[in-house]
Amino acid sequence: MTKHVFTTFEVCEILNIKLDRLRDYTKRGYFSPSVQRACGVGTKSLFDRADIVRIKTFLCLIELGFSRKISAKVIDLIKVDFDT
């Protein structure tokens, strides 16, 4: 099965989140792209579908009033497998 990957811009469009916010949360270590992390000029962060589920969960938990720190710990426990 081909693995679908998404750029930072695509993730922002899918989740309706501002680019600066997604980059800030990534920079602060709340979550990170599992496919590829940008490492300089000209490189892109690449996310998979499981990353999108975790990020959406993170955003929902914040919206429900959980802190970013707790929300990040919760999404670390989430294992999503789209290959089965």
C-alpha atoms as a PDB file:
ATOM      1  CA  MET A   1       0.000   0.000   0.000  1.00  0.00           C
ATOM      2  CA  THR A   2       1.298   3.456  -0.908  1.00  0.00           C
ATOM      3  CA  LYS A   3       1.836   5.753   2.037  1.00  0.00           C
ATOM      4  CA  HIS A   4       0.146   9.122   1.648  1.00  0.00           C
ATOM      5  CA  VAL A   5       2.278  12.058   2.746  1.00  0.00           C
ATOM      6  CA  PHE A   6       1.223  15.644   3.286  1.00  0.00           C
ATOM      7  CA  THR A   7       3.197  18.872   3.403  1.00  0.00           C
ATOM      8  CA  THR A   8       2.768  21.432   6.178  1.00  0.00           C
ATOM      9  CA  PHE A   9       0.600  23.518   3.858  1.00  0.00           C
ATOM     10  CA  GLU A  10      -1.671  20.567   3.075  1.00  0.00           C
ATOM     11  CA  VAL A  11      -2.060  19.735   6.763  1.00  0.00           C
ATOM     12  CA  CYS A  12      -3.064  23.347   7.423  1.00  0.00           C
ATOM     13  CA  GLU A  13      -5.693  23.178   4.691  1.00  0.00           C
ATOM     14  CA  ILE A  14      -7.058  19.834   5.876  1.00  0.00           C
ATOM     15  CA  LEU A  15      -7.296  20.895   9.520  1.00  0.00           C
ATOM     16  CA  ASN A  16      -8.156  24.547   8.882  1.00  0.00           C
ATOM     17  CA  ILE A  17      -5.268  25.772  11.035  1.00  0.00           C
ATOM     18  CA  LYS A  18      -2.948  28.704  10.392  1.00  0.00           C
ATOM     19  CA  LEU A  19       0.521  27.869   9.136  1.00  0.00           C
ATOM     20  CA  ASP A  20       2.228  29.873  11.877  1.00  0.00           C
ATOM     21  CA  ARG A  21       0.318  27.986  14.568  1.00  0.00           C
ATOM     22  CA  LEU A  22       1.206  24.569  13.155  1.00  0.00           C
ATOM     23  CA  ARG A  23       4.861  25.538  12.847  1.00  0.00           C
ATOM     24  CA  ASP A  24       4.862  26.958  16.386  1.00  0.00           C
ATOM     25  CA  TYR A  25       3.388  23.786  17.869  1.00  0.00           C
ATOM     26  CA  THR A  26       5.920  21.702  15.934  1.00  0.00           C
ATOM     27  CA  LYS A  27       8.804  23.944  17.025  1.00  0.00           C
ATOM     28  CA  ARG A  28       7.693  23.689  20.667  1.00  0.00           C
ATOM     29  CA  GLY A  29       7.711  19.898  20.391  1.00  0.00           C
ATOM     30  CA  TYR A  30       4.023  19.201  20.951  1.00  0.00           C
ATOM     31  CA  PHE A  31       4.130  16.932  17.895  1.00  0.00           C
ATOM     32  CA  SER A  32       6.391  16.369  14.928  1.00  0.00           C
ATOM     33  CA  PRO A  33       6.069  14.994  11.416  1.00  0.00           C
ATOM     34  CA  SER A  34       6.740  11.286  11.333  1.00  0.00           C
ATOM     35  CA  VAL A  35       7.770  11.064   7.675  1.00  0.00           C
ATOM     36  CA  GLN A  36      10.307  13.891   7.428  1.00  0.00           C
ATOM     37  CA  ARG A  37      11.191  16.915   9.505  1.00  0.00           C
ATOM     38  CA  ALA A  38      12.377  20.058   7.708  1.00  0.00           C
ATOM     39  CA  CYS A  39      16.050  20.587   8.383  1.00  0.00           C
ATOM     40  CA  GLY A  40      16.941  23.805   6.646  1.00  0.00           C
ATOM     41  CA  VAL A  41      16.154  25.972   3.692  1.00  0.00           C
ATOM     42  CA  GLY A  42      14.513  24.086   0.853  1.00  0.00           C
ATOM     43  CA  THR A  43      13.425  21.080   2.892  1.00  0.00           C
ATOM     44  CA  LYS A  44       9.840  20.260   3.820  1.00  0.00           C
ATOM     45  CA  SER A  45       8.187  18.672   6.787  1.00  0.00           C
ATOM     46  CA  LEU A  46       6.125  15.693   5.670  1.00  0.00           C
ATOM     47  CA  PHE A  47       3.254  14.228   7.647  1.00  0.00           C
ATOM     48  CA  ASP A  48       1.294  11.010   7.223  1.00  0.00           C
ATOM     49  CA  ARG A  49      -2.404  10.350   7.888  1.00  0.00           C
ATOM     50  CA  ALA A  50      -1.719   9.199  11.443  1.00  0.00           C
ATOM     51  CA  ASP A  51       0.015  12.525  12.128  1.00  0.00           C
ATOM     52  CA  ILE A  52      -3.103  14.348  10.946  1.00  0.00           C
ATOM     53  CA  VAL A  53      -5.262  12.313  13.339  1.00  0.00           C
ATOM     54  CA  ARG A  54      -2.903  13.084  16.222  1.00  0.00           C
ATOM     55  CA  ILE A  55      -2.772  16.800  15.398  1.00  0.00           C
ATOM     56  CA  LYS A  56      -6.567  16.994  15.135  1.00  0.00           C
ATOM     57  CA  THR A  57      -6.871  15.238  18.496  1.00  0.00           C
ATOM     58  CA  PHE A  58      -4.363  17.683  19.988  1.00  0.00           C
ATOM     59  CA  LEU A  59      -6.388  20.639  18.700  1.00  0.00           C
ATOM     60  CA  CYS A  60      -9.659  19.167  19.998  1.00  0.00           C
ATOM     61  CA  LEU A  61      -8.185  18.580  23.448  1.00  0.00           C
ATOM     62  CA  ILE A  62      -6.998  22.187  23.607  1.00  0.00           C
ATOM     63  CA  GLU A  63     -10.445  23.344  22.548  1.00  0.00           C
ATOM     64  CA  LEU A  64     -11.922  21.290  25.384  1.00  0.00           C
ATOM     65  CA  GLY A  65      -9.703  23.116  27.862  1.00  0.00           C
ATOM     66  CA  PHE A  66      -6.767  20.776  28.301  1.00  0.00           C
ATOM     67  CA  SER A  67      -3.317  22.329  28.400  1.00  0.00           C
ATOM     68  CA  ARG A  68      -1.004  21.954  25.432  1.00  0.00           C
ATOM     69  CA  LYS A  69       1.422  19.964  27.566  1.00  0.00           C
ATOM     70  CA  ILE A  70      -1.228  17.416  28.633  1.00  0.00           C
ATOM     71  CA  SER A  71      -2.655  17.273  25.105  1.00  0.00           C
ATOM     72  CA  ALA A  72       0.805  16.506  23.724  1.00  0.00           C
ATOM     73  CA  LYS A  73       1.238  13.664  26.230  1.00  0.00           C
ATOM     74  CA  VAL A  74      -2.141  12.202  25.242  1.00  0.00           C
ATOM     75  CA  ILE A  75      -1.385  12.209  21.516  1.00  0.00           C
ATOM     76  CA  ASP A  76       1.941  10.510  22.184  1.00  0.00           C
ATOM     77  CA  LEU A  77      -0.100   7.525  23.357  1.00  0.00           C
ATOM     78  CA  ILE A  78      -2.201   7.369  20.190  1.00  0.00           C
ATOM     79  CA  LYS A  79      -1.163   4.709  17.717  1.00  0.00           C
ATOM     80  CA  VAL A  80      -2.997   4.824  14.401  1.00  0.00           C
ATOM     81  CA  ASP A  81      -2.388   2.149  11.793  1.00  0.00           C
ATOM     82  CA  PHE A  82      -3.837   2.789   8.342  1.00  0.00           C
ATOM     83  CA  ASP A  83      -2.036  -0.164   6.774  1.00  0.00           C
ATOM     84  CA  THR A  84      -4.454  -2.789   8.073  1.00  0.00           C
END
